[in-house]
C-alpha cells in the first residue's frame, strides 16, 4: 500500500493532460499525485493511517518546475517543495524509514520510468523543460492506495482536519 495525495485543479488537470499525451499508459492508471509514502509498513492498515494523520493540518506544497531523472531511470517529473514541513510530518507520523542510499524527493510524475521510452522522454523534455508552474497547492486529504500492475486502487480517503493556528 502507498499513501498519496492527488494534485488539485487546475494544476492536476494540466499535469494529467501532459501525462496522457506523453505517457498514455501511466496517464490512464492514476491521476496526477504526490506519493507521500511509497510502501506503507506491512503492519499498518488504512484505519491506522487515518488515526495517525487525520489531525495533521492540510499540507502546503509548491510545485516548481519540470525535472528529469538522471542515472539509470528515465522520466520527467514536477518538483515539489514541502513548504511548511507537512509532508515530513506525515511521513514521521507513519514512521517511514527510508532505505539506505535512497532519498525521498516529493514530486509529481509526468513520464514514469516503467512506462515511458527514452525517445518519448527526450521529446517531452524538449517541449516541457521550460514549464515552471511555480504554484502553491494545498493537499487537504490523502489516499491509501493499493498498487497493482493493472492500476492503483484507492482504499481509503482521509481528510486532514488539523488547524495551523496551534489549536
Protein backbone atom coordinates (compact mmCIF):
# COMPACT_ATOMS: atom_id res chain seq x y z
CA UNK A 1 0.00 0.00 0.00
CA UNK A 2 1.00 3.58 -0.64
CA UNK A 3 -0.09 6.93 0.75
CA UNK A 4 -0.61 9.56 -1.89
CA UNK A 5 -2.15 12.99 -2.37
CA UNK A 6 -3.87 13.88 -5.60
CA UNK A 7 -2.91 17.22 -7.13
CA UNK A 8 -5.87 19.63 -7.06
CA UNK A 9 -7.08 21.55 -10.11
CA UNK A 10 -6.13 23.45 -12.11
CA UNK A 11 -2.56 22.11 -11.87
CA UNK A 12 -3.74 18.49 -11.57
CA UNK A 13 -5.72 18.81 -14.79
CA UNK A 14 -2.78 20.40 -16.61
CA UNK A 15 -0.41 17.66 -15.42
CA UNK A 16 -2.94 14.96 -16.40
CA UNK A 17 -3.12 16.42 -19.91
CA UNK A 18 0.68 16.26 -20.21
CA UNK A 19 0.79 12.72 -18.82
CA UNK A 20 -1.89 11.39 -21.16
CA UNK A 21 -0.15 12.93 -24.16
CA UNK A 22 3.39 11.79 -23.43
CA UNK A 23 2.90 8.66 -21.31
CA UNK A 24 -0.64 7.41 -22.08
CA UNK A 25 -0.26 4.09 -20.24
CA UNK A 26 0.78 5.71 -16.96
CA UNK A 27 -1.58 8.62 -17.54
CA UNK A 28 -4.57 6.26 -17.54
CA UNK A 29 -3.52 4.27 -14.45
CA UNK A 30 -3.86 7.07 -11.86
CA UNK A 31 -4.43 10.83 -11.79
CA UNK A 32 -1.60 13.26 -11.03
CA UNK A 33 -0.42 12.81 -7.46
CA UNK A 34 2.42 13.12 -4.98
CA UNK A 35 3.37 9.78 -3.48
CA UNK A 36 3.93 10.55 0.19
CA UNK A 37 4.84 7.00 1.25
CA UNK A 38 5.99 4.54 -1.41
CA UNK A 39 5.49 1.46 0.72
CA UNK A 40 3.45 1.57 3.87
CA UNK A 41 4.75 -0.63 6.69
CA UNK A 42 3.08 -4.04 6.47
CA UNK A 43 1.59 -3.79 9.96
CA UNK A 44 -0.30 -0.54 9.18
CA UNK A 45 -3.86 -0.61 7.87
CA UNK A 46 -5.81 2.22 6.23
CA UNK A 47 -7.53 2.74 9.61
CA UNK A 48 -4.10 3.07 11.29
CA UNK A 49 -3.09 5.67 8.72
CA UNK A 50 -6.31 7.61 9.35
CA UNK A 51 -5.72 7.60 13.09
CA UNK A 52 -2.16 8.87 12.71
CA UNK A 53 -2.63 11.58 10.07
CA UNK A 54 -6.19 12.89 10.40
CA UNK A 55 -5.19 15.61 12.88
CA UNK A 56 -2.41 16.94 10.66
CA UNK A 57 -3.06 20.32 9.08
CA UNK A 58 -3.56 20.44 5.32
CA UNK A 59 -0.20 20.16 3.58
CA UNK A 60 1.10 23.17 1.69
CA UNK A 61 3.36 22.35 -1.22
CA UNK A 62 4.92 24.38 -4.00
CA UNK A 63 5.19 22.84 -7.45
CA UNK A 64 8.16 24.49 -9.12
CA UNK A 65 9.46 23.10 -12.40
CA UNK A 66 9.83 20.13 -14.72
CA UNK A 67 12.88 17.99 -13.90
CA UNK A 68 14.43 14.94 -15.48
CA UNK A 69 15.58 11.86 -13.62
CA UNK A 70 19.25 11.21 -14.10
CA UNK A 71 21.03 7.90 -13.97
CA UNK A 72 19.54 4.54 -14.82
CA UNK A 73 15.89 5.64 -14.64
CA UNK A 74 14.31 7.77 -17.32
CA UNK A 75 11.34 10.01 -16.81
CA UNK A 76 10.12 13.52 -16.10
CA UNK A 77 8.52 15.00 -13.02
CA UNK A 78 7.34 18.24 -11.49
CA UNK A 79 9.48 19.16 -8.48
CA UNK A 80 7.58 19.66 -5.21
CA UNK A 81 8.76 21.70 -2.22
CA UNK A 82 7.42 20.82 1.25
CA UNK A 83 6.56 24.43 2.22
CA UNK A 84 5.72 24.03 5.92
CA UNK A 85 7.11 20.57 6.63
CA UNK A 86 3.68 18.91 6.30
CA UNK A 87 4.96 16.11 4.08
CA UNK A 88 7.78 15.40 6.52
CA UNK A 89 5.31 15.47 9.45
CA UNK A 90 3.04 12.97 7.70
CA UNK A 91 5.97 10.65 6.96
CA UNK A 92 7.10 10.95 10.61
CA UNK A 93 3.57 10.15 11.84
CA UNK A 94 3.65 6.98 9.73
CA UNK A 95 7.14 6.08 10.97
CA UNK A 96 8.57 5.92 7.46
CA UNK A 97 12.10 4.57 7.39
CA UNK A 98 13.88 5.44 4.16
CA UNK A 99 16.03 2.59 2.80
CA UNK A 100 19.76 3.33 2.94
CA UNK A 101 21.04 5.06 -0.16
CA UNK A 102 17.61 6.28 -1.27
CA UNK A 103 16.40 9.83 -0.80
CA UNK A 104 12.69 10.68 -0.73
CA UNK A 105 12.04 13.51 -3.17
CA UNK A 106 8.44 14.76 -3.34
CA UNK A 107 7.35 15.08 -6.96
CA UNK A 108 4.51 14.69 -9.45
CA UNK A 109 5.48 12.12 -12.08
CA UNK A 110 4.81 13.18 -15.66
CA UNK A 111 6.56 10.36 -17.56
CA UNK A 112 7.11 7.24 -15.46
CA UNK A 113 10.37 5.25 -15.71
CA UNK A 114 8.48 1.95 -16.04
CA UNK A 115 6.20 3.06 -18.90
CA UNK A 116 7.98 5.79 -20.87
CA UNK A 117 10.53 5.20 -23.60
CA UNK A 118 13.74 7.21 -23.82
CA UNK A 119 12.57 8.69 -27.13
CA UNK A 120 9.34 9.94 -25.56
CA UNK A 121 11.22 11.32 -22.56
CA UNK A 122 13.67 13.18 -24.81
CA UNK A 123 10.87 14.65 -26.94
CA UNK A 124 8.78 15.61 -23.91
CA UNK A 125 11.83 17.17 -22.23
CA UNK A 126 12.47 19.29 -25.32
CA UNK A 127 8.91 20.62 -25.12
CA UNK A 128 8.33 20.78 -21.36
CA UNK A 129 11.69 21.72 -19.83
CA UNK A 130 10.66 25.36 -19.64
CA UNK A 131 7.37 24.67 -17.81
CA UNK A 132 7.58 26.27 -14.38
CA UNK A 133 4.19 26.25 -12.70
CA UNK A 134 5.66 27.90 -9.57
CA UNK A 135 2.35 27.50 -7.79
CA UNK A 136 1.32 26.64 -4.28
CA UNK A 137 -1.19 23.86 -3.72
CA UNK A 138 -2.98 22.71 -0.60
CA UNK A 139 -3.42 18.99 -0.02
CA UNK A 140 -6.33 18.61 2.39
CA UNK A 141 -6.72 14.87 2.05
CA UNK A 142 -4.58 11.81 1.41
CA UNK A 143 -5.44 8.43 -0.05
CA UNK A 144 -4.23 5.00 0.95
CA UNK A 145 -3.98 3.10 -2.31
CA UNK A 146 -3.40 -0.47 -3.35
CA UNK A 147 -0.70 -0.67 -6.02
CA UNK A 148 -1.20 -3.26 -8.73
CA UNK A 149 0.15 -3.72 -12.26
CA UNK A 150 -3.33 -3.03 -13.62
CA UNK A 151 -3.56 0.29 -11.78
CA UNK A 152 -3.82 1.97 -8.44
CA UNK A 153 -6.99 1.41 -6.43
CA UNK A 154 -7.92 3.85 -3.65
CA UNK A 155 -8.71 2.03 -0.40
CA UNK A 156 -9.45 5.00 1.87
CA UNK A 157 -9.54 8.79 1.59
CA UNK A 158 -8.54 10.63 4.76
CA UNK A 159 -9.29 14.32 5.30
CA UNK A 160 -6.55 16.28 7.05
CA UNK A 161 -8.53 18.17 9.66
CA UNK A 162 -5.97 19.78 11.97
CA UNK A 163 -5.65 23.53 12.08
CA UNK A 164 -2.49 25.52 11.59
CA UNK A 165 -3.41 28.02 14.33
CA UNK A 166 -1.86 25.92 17.07
CA UNK A 167 -5.23 24.75 18.38
